[in-house]
Each structure stands twice: as structure tokens, then as C-alpha cells.
Amino acid sequence: MLYSIAMNFRHTICFPSARLCLDVCLDVCLALCLAATLLAQSKKASPGYTDTPILPGQRWHVHDSNRPHPNPVTPGKILGEAPSDAIVLFDGHDLSRWMQNPGGKPVDARWKVVENGYFECVPRSGDLLTRDKFGDVQLHIEWSEPTDVKGTSQERGNSGVLLMDRYEIQVLDSYNDLTYADGQAGALYGQWPPLVNPIRKPGEWQAYDIVFEAPKFDGEKLVRPAFATVFFNGVLVHHRKEILGTMVHRQVARYTPHGAEEPLALQDHGNPVRYRNVWLRRLNGYDQPER
């Protein structure tokens, strides 16, 4: 409307001395109109509603137009590759994000990094721990057993992924070899065997994709136990299974209070197990502020 009026004035007023001044004023007016239009478009309401019922246990309406939109994350180009918001714990080159803690004295990681993109446990050097601490996470980790097969049961390629340095997803060569069910590869060690055994042959790369919910404590009291969902080589082997407590051998696991965040650890059980492509994502819950 303002644009039409301004252009009509420009065509009807013909005083030469006033024309230049009017042109300038009209140009300013048109610029302001354009700016106002763009501002109105930028403030256009998001699709949705504010007159619908409130969702149970939430503060949002059904289809709420004011609810924060999920922040964009770029997935890896291939399955298993770290997404854009991941913390890469091993990129194929060094163990700078890891350490060891012999006798309670932190030292640089002593496990061996191999040129073609993996690292290997140095037997009896001690567990590997991340320098950072984590709570709820999505973890991706790949591992491989020695092709020179030695031992049976728990003496065959034993290691473990220790969430918060205490809740173990067992790593073991369970290919055509038996051990107790709650101690084979993919088990929540000493608590729950995997639903199935999708392990590959020794020397081939295995993959765990783990969603871990950390336990919650109120002082000395356990408020909520930990839970784990585990995919083993793409196959679901635990579905939000409750963890009974800290990993222990030949006893019933139980909880002892600890921090909200603790290191991720890889177990040295005396076998040269290999690892690669290790990354995780902190899980911060729904409705995070938009970036």
C-alpha cells in the first residue's frame, strides 16, 4: 500500500525543485517498507498450535508452535562413522584422549597404536581410561580378536568396555567357543547374556553401538539404576536392560555411589585385543535450546 501511494505521488508531482527532494524521501520510504516486510517475515510464527491440550508430564501443547526444534547434526557418510556432534576418542592416529592410572598415578596411555588405524591392548599394562568423564552417552566402538586363537572360555581374547569404569559390556572371542552365558561377548558381564550371539570370526571387526543411561544417586541412596541398550554387529542384544551394579566376578553386582560422570575404560585382561573407530555423543535430553 505504501509503495503504491509513493509511486503515485512520484508520477503526479512535477515541480522540478521539489522533485529531487521527494525522490529521496520516497526512496527512504520504500527502503523502510522493504525492511518492515522482511522483519515481519522473519517473525512469522512456526507451524503448530498453542490451543491444544498439554502433553502429560510435559509443559508443551500437542503440536506446540513454541517447542524448540532439534538442532541439526550431520551423520557420518557411512554407517559407523562419527556424526558432527560426536567426541572422537580415537581417530586412528593417537591415544591423546586416553591415559592409564597405575597405582593411582595418571600416565600417558601405553597401549600400542598401529599404523593402519587401530590400537591394541598391551597385556598386563593396565586398563585404558578416557581423560574426560561422561554420564549418559551413545557409544560406538569396534574391536577385533587375535587370529592366533589361544585358550578357551574366559581366557580367549578377553577384554571389556567399562562404562563409567565399572559397568561392563564383555569383549570376548565367543566364536565357536563356549563360556558361561552371562560372560560371553555382548553380555552385561555377570548379569545378563546377550539375546543372541552375532559374533564374527577372529580377525574380523566387531562393532558395539551402546546407549547408556547412567545411574542416579541422592547421597548414598540409589535413585535410579543404570540401563543399557546394545547393538552387536547391528543386532539388538540388550533392550534398555537394567544394570544390577558394578561388574564383579562370581558375586551379585551391587551399586556403590559415584560421580554423575566417570571415565570410559577398556579392560586389560591379558589379551592383545584391538580397537578402532571409537566415538561417543553426550545425551542431553529433549528440548535443548536451539543453536
Protein backbone atom coordinates (compact mmCIF):
# COMPACT_ATOMS: atom_id res chain seq x y z
CA MET A 1 0.00 0.00 0.00
CA LEU A 2 2.71 2.47 0.97
CA TYR A 3 4.61 1.50 -2.16
CA SER A 4 1.60 2.26 -4.43
CA ILE A 5 0.93 5.64 -2.81
CA ALA A 6 4.56 6.63 -3.07
CA MET A 7 4.76 5.76 -6.75
CA ASN A 8 1.53 7.68 -7.49
CA PHE A 9 2.97 10.77 -5.82
CA ARG A 10 6.17 10.38 -7.84
CA HIS A 11 4.24 10.41 -11.12
CA THR A 12 1.85 13.34 -10.25
CA ILE A 13 4.20 15.87 -8.64
CA CYS A 14 6.17 17.71 -11.29
CA PHE A 15 7.80 20.74 -9.60
CA PRO A 16 11.49 20.36 -10.54
CA SER A 17 12.81 21.84 -7.31
CA ALA A 18 10.67 19.61 -5.16
CA ARG A 19 11.06 16.52 -7.31
CA LEU A 20 14.62 15.70 -6.19
CA CYS A 21 13.75 16.06 -2.51
CA LEU A 22 10.64 13.97 -2.95
CA ASP A 23 12.58 11.27 -4.76
CA VAL A 24 14.96 10.97 -1.83
CA CYS A 25 12.10 10.81 0.67
CA LEU A 26 10.29 8.24 -1.39
CA ASP A 27 13.42 6.08 -1.68
CA VAL A 28 13.79 6.14 2.10
CA CYS A 29 10.12 5.28 2.49
CA LEU A 30 10.45 2.35 0.12
CA ALA A 31 13.52 1.06 1.94
CA LEU A 32 11.67 1.22 5.27
CA CYS A 33 8.71 -0.63 3.77
CA LEU A 34 11.02 -3.37 2.50
CA ALA A 35 12.73 -3.66 5.87
CA ALA A 36 9.37 -3.88 7.66
CA THR A 37 8.23 -6.62 5.29
CA LEU A 38 11.41 -8.67 5.84
CA LEU A 39 11.12 -8.25 9.63
CA ALA A 40 7.53 -9.43 9.56
CA GLN A 41 8.53 -12.48 7.55
CA SER A 42 11.36 -13.31 9.96
CA LYS A 43 8.93 -13.17 12.88
CA LYS A 44 6.42 -15.40 11.16
CA ALA A 45 5.14 -17.94 13.65
CA SER A 46 6.34 -21.54 13.36
CA PRO A 47 3.73 -24.05 12.20
CA GLY A 48 1.75 -25.51 15.06
CA TYR A 49 -0.75 -24.63 17.76
CA THR A 50 -1.00 -23.17 21.25
CA ASP A 51 -4.67 -24.01 21.88
CA THR A 52 -4.25 -27.79 22.03
CA PRO A 53 -4.03 -29.96 25.20
CA ILE A 54 -0.86 -30.07 27.29
CA LEU A 55 1.09 -33.32 26.86
CA PRO A 56 1.12 -35.43 30.08
CA GLY A 57 4.27 -34.86 32.12
CA GLN A 58 5.45 -32.09 29.80
CA ARG A 59 5.00 -28.34 29.54
CA TRP A 60 4.25 -28.41 25.81
CA HIS A 61 0.97 -28.38 23.92
CA VAL A 62 0.29 -31.08 21.33
CA HIS A 63 1.97 -29.76 18.11
CA ASP A 64 3.24 -26.75 20.10
CA SER A 65 4.47 -23.99 17.79
CA ASN A 66 6.83 -22.70 20.51
CA ARG A 67 8.58 -26.00 21.19
CA PRO A 68 12.34 -25.91 20.40
CA HIS A 69 13.29 -27.64 17.17
CA PRO A 70 16.04 -30.29 17.30
CA ASN A 71 19.46 -28.95 16.42
CA PRO A 72 20.88 -30.24 13.13
CA VAL A 73 23.53 -32.96 13.23
CA THR A 74 25.37 -34.19 10.15
CA PRO A 75 25.56 -38.00 10.15
CA GLY A 76 28.67 -39.86 9.07
CA LYS A 77 28.98 -40.55 5.35
CA ILE A 78 28.99 -44.29 6.01
CA LEU A 79 27.38 -46.38 8.75
CA GLY A 80 29.51 -46.29 11.90
CA GLU A 81 31.29 -43.04 11.05
CA ALA A 82 31.16 -40.33 13.73
CA PRO A 83 28.43 -37.69 13.34
CA SER A 84 29.20 -33.98 13.59
CA ASP A 85 28.40 -33.68 17.32
CA ALA A 86 30.45 -36.72 18.40
CA ILE A 87 33.51 -36.70 20.63
CA VAL A 88 36.05 -38.80 18.73
CA LEU A 89 38.07 -40.78 21.27
CA PHE A 90 40.27 -42.48 18.70
CA ASP A 91 40.68 -41.19 15.16
CA GLY A 92 43.23 -43.76 14.00
CA HIS A 93 46.32 -41.77 14.96
CA ASP A 94 46.97 -41.39 18.68
CA LEU A 95 45.70 -42.04 22.20
CA SER A 96 45.88 -38.45 23.42
CA ARG A 97 42.36 -38.67 24.84
CA TRP A 98 43.30 -41.70 26.94
CA MET A 99 45.50 -42.44 29.92
CA GLN A 100 46.34 -45.19 32.38
CA ASN A 101 46.32 -44.99 36.14
CA PRO A 102 48.76 -47.47 37.69
CA GLY A 103 48.84 -47.12 41.45
CA GLY A 104 46.57 -44.10 41.28
CA LYS A 105 49.14 -42.04 39.32
CA PRO A 106 47.87 -40.97 35.85
CA VAL A 107 50.30 -41.61 32.98
CA ASP A 108 50.06 -41.43 29.20
CA ALA A 109 48.47 -44.42 27.51
CA ARG A 110 50.86 -47.33 26.96
CA TRP A 111 48.68 -49.38 24.62
CA LYS A 112 50.08 -49.74 21.10
CA VAL A 113 48.83 -47.65 18.17
CA VAL A 114 49.27 -49.44 14.85
CA GLU A 115 49.81 -47.59 11.57
CA ASN A 116 46.69 -48.84 9.82
CA GLY A 117 44.28 -47.16 12.18
CA TYR A 118 43.76 -49.26 15.28
CA PHE A 119 45.23 -49.63 18.74
CA GLU A 120 45.99 -52.79 20.66
CA CYS A 121 45.99 -53.76 24.31
CA VAL A 122 49.47 -54.30 25.72
CA PRO A 123 48.87 -57.22 28.10
CA ARG A 124 49.39 -56.51 31.80
CA SER A 125 49.95 -52.79 31.21
CA GLY A 126 46.64 -51.91 32.86
CA ASP A 127 43.21 -50.67 31.79
CA LEU A 128 42.85 -47.71 29.45
CA LEU A 129 40.74 -44.76 30.66
CA THR A 130 39.48 -41.63 28.95
CA ARG A 131 40.82 -38.34 30.27
CA ASP A 132 37.29 -36.92 30.11
CA LYS A 133 34.34 -38.15 32.13
CA PHE A 134 30.87 -38.99 30.84
CA GLY A 135 27.36 -39.83 32.03
CA ASP A 136 24.55 -40.67 29.60
CA VAL A 137 26.10 -41.48 26.22
CA GLN A 138 25.71 -43.09 22.83
CA LEU A 139 28.93 -45.04 22.23
CA HIS A 140 30.28 -46.61 19.06
CA ILE A 141 33.33 -48.87 19.32
CA GLU A 142 34.83 -51.53 17.05
CA TRP A 143 37.05 -54.40 18.21
CA SER A 144 38.83 -57.42 16.82
CA GLU A 145 40.15 -60.64 18.30
CA PRO A 146 43.57 -62.16 17.57
CA THR A 147 43.65 -64.59 14.64
CA ASP A 148 46.15 -66.68 16.58
CA VAL A 149 43.48 -68.30 18.72
CA LYS A 150 44.68 -69.33 22.18
CA GLY A 151 42.80 -70.55 25.22
CA THR A 152 39.13 -71.26 25.81
CA SER A 153 36.24 -69.69 27.70
CA GLN A 154 37.34 -66.56 29.63
CA GLU A 155 40.97 -66.99 28.59
CA ARG A 156 40.20 -66.47 24.91
CA GLY A 157 40.53 -62.85 23.76
CA ASN A 158 39.12 -61.34 26.94
CA SER A 159 38.65 -57.58 27.35
CA GLY A 160 35.70 -55.33 28.10
CA VAL A 161 34.04 -51.96 27.59
CA LEU A 162 33.65 -50.45 31.06
CA LEU A 163 31.04 -47.70 31.11
CA MET A 164 31.83 -45.26 33.93
CA ASP A 165 34.83 -47.54 34.62
CA ARG A 166 32.58 -50.15 36.24
CA TYR A 167 29.60 -51.34 34.15
CA GLU A 168 30.96 -53.91 31.69
CA ILE A 169 29.90 -54.96 28.22
CA GLN A 170 32.00 -58.08 27.73
CA VAL A 171 34.53 -58.36 24.90
CA LEU A 172 35.50 -61.99 24.21
CA ASP A 173 36.15 -64.42 21.37
CA SER A 174 32.87 -66.33 21.58
CA TYR A 175 33.07 -67.66 18.03
CA ASN A 176 32.54 -71.43 18.18
CA ASP A 177 33.67 -71.46 21.81
CA LEU A 178 31.61 -71.78 24.98
CA THR A 179 31.81 -69.95 28.28
CA TYR A 180 29.15 -69.17 30.88
CA ALA A 181 26.26 -67.35 29.16
CA ASP A 182 26.48 -64.10 31.13
CA GLY A 183 30.20 -63.87 30.36
CA GLN A 184 30.29 -64.24 26.60
CA ALA A 185 30.74 -61.43 24.07
CA GLY A 186 27.93 -58.90 24.29
CA ALA A 187 26.93 -59.86 27.84
CA LEU A 188 26.32 -57.37 30.62
CA TYR A 189 29.04 -59.22 32.48
CA GLY A 190 27.79 -61.46 35.28
CA GLN A 191 24.21 -60.17 34.89
CA TRP A 192 22.55 -60.68 31.51
CA PRO A 193 23.65 -62.76 28.49
CA PRO A 194 23.01 -61.22 25.07
CA LEU A 195 19.71 -62.08 23.40
CA VAL A 196 21.64 -63.75 20.55
CA ASN A 197 25.28 -64.29 19.58
CA PRO A 198 26.02 -62.38 16.33
CA ILE A 199 29.82 -62.57 16.63
CA ARG A 200 32.11 -62.76 13.60
CA LYS A 201 35.26 -64.83 13.19
CA PRO A 202 38.52 -63.87 14.96
CA GLY A 203 40.38 -61.22 12.97
CA GLU A 204 37.17 -59.68 11.62
CA TRP A 205 35.96 -56.38 13.04
CA GLN A 206 33.08 -56.43 15.51
CA ALA A 207 31.02 -53.36 16.45
CA TYR A 208 29.12 -52.29 19.54
CA ASP A 209 26.61 -49.46 19.45
CA ILE A 210 25.60 -48.73 23.02
CA VAL A 211 23.05 -46.36 24.53
CA PHE A 212 23.88 -45.98 28.21
CA GLU A 213 21.81 -44.25 30.88
CA ALA A 214 23.89 -43.56 33.97
CA PRO A 215 22.56 -44.33 37.45
CA LYS A 216 21.36 -41.52 39.70
CA PHE A 217 22.26 -41.18 43.38
CA ASP A 218 20.97 -38.99 46.17
CA GLY A 219 23.90 -39.07 48.55
CA GLU A 220 24.36 -42.75 49.43
CA LYS A 221 20.93 -43.74 48.06
CA LEU A 222 20.38 -45.17 44.58
CA VAL A 223 17.54 -43.20 43.00
CA ARG A 224 17.59 -44.80 39.55
CA PRO A 225 19.69 -47.74 38.26
CA ALA A 226 21.69 -47.67 35.04
CA PHE A 227 20.28 -49.02 31.78
CA ALA A 228 21.94 -50.22 28.59
CA THR A 229 20.73 -50.80 25.06
CA VAL A 230 23.31 -52.65 22.97
CA PHE A 231 23.54 -53.45 19.26
CA PHE A 232 26.21 -56.04 18.45
CA ASN A 233 27.20 -56.01 14.77
CA GLY A 234 23.90 -54.26 14.10
CA VAL A 235 21.85 -56.85 16.01
CA LEU A 236 19.95 -55.88 19.17
CA VAL A 237 21.28 -57.90 22.12
CA HIS A 238 20.02 -55.75 25.05
CA HIS A 239 16.95 -53.53 25.04
CA ARG A 240 17.15 -50.91 27.80
CA LYS A 241 18.22 -53.62 30.22
CA GLU A 242 18.65 -52.66 33.86
CA ILE A 243 22.22 -52.96 35.12
CA LEU A 244 22.35 -54.55 38.57
CA GLY A 245 25.53 -52.84 39.75
CA THR A 246 29.29 -52.68 39.36
CA MET A 247 30.89 -55.52 37.40
CA VAL A 248 32.10 -58.31 39.70
CA HIS A 249 33.20 -61.93 39.30
CA ARG A 250 31.25 -64.77 40.98
CA GLN A 251 29.10 -62.43 43.08
CA VAL A 252 25.87 -60.49 42.70
CA ALA A 253 26.58 -57.00 41.45
CA ARG A 254 25.61 -54.05 43.61
CA TYR A 255 25.85 -50.29 43.42
CA THR A 256 28.17 -48.01 45.31
CA PRO A 257 27.70 -44.24 44.95
CA HIS A 258 29.91 -42.41 42.45
CA GLY A 259 30.01 -39.21 40.44
CA ALA A 260 27.46 -38.21 37.82
CA GLU A 261 30.24 -38.56 35.24
CA GLU A 262 33.13 -41.05 35.21
CA PRO A 263 35.71 -42.19 32.63
CA LEU A 264 35.06 -44.76 29.94
CA ALA A 265 37.54 -47.63 30.30
CA LEU A 266 38.79 -50.53 28.20
CA GLN A 267 39.87 -53.58 30.16
CA ASP A 268 43.29 -55.17 30.05
CA HIS A 269 42.60 -58.86 30.71
CA GLY A 270 45.93 -60.05 29.35
CA ASN A 271 44.98 -60.42 25.68
CA PRO A 272 46.06 -58.30 22.66
CA VAL A 273 42.55 -57.24 21.65
CA ARG A 274 42.37 -54.45 19.04
CA TYR A 275 40.09 -51.40 18.93
CA ARG A 276 39.29 -48.71 16.38
CA ASN A 277 36.71 -46.05 15.44
CA VAL A 278 35.78 -45.07 18.99
CA TRP A 279 33.40 -42.14 19.45
CA LEU A 280 30.55 -41.11 21.66
CA ARG A 281 27.84 -38.49 21.99
CA ARG A 282 26.65 -36.96 25.23
CA LEU A 283 22.89 -37.45 25.59
CA ASN A 284 21.39 -34.23 26.92
CA GLY A 285 17.68 -34.97 26.69
CA TYR A 286 14.83 -33.44 24.75
CA ASP A 287 14.06 -29.77 24.04
CA GLN A 288 17.57 -28.40 24.15
CA PRO A 289 17.93 -24.69 23.26
CA GLU A 290 18.20 -24.11 19.53
CA ARG A 291 21.66 -23.13 18.25
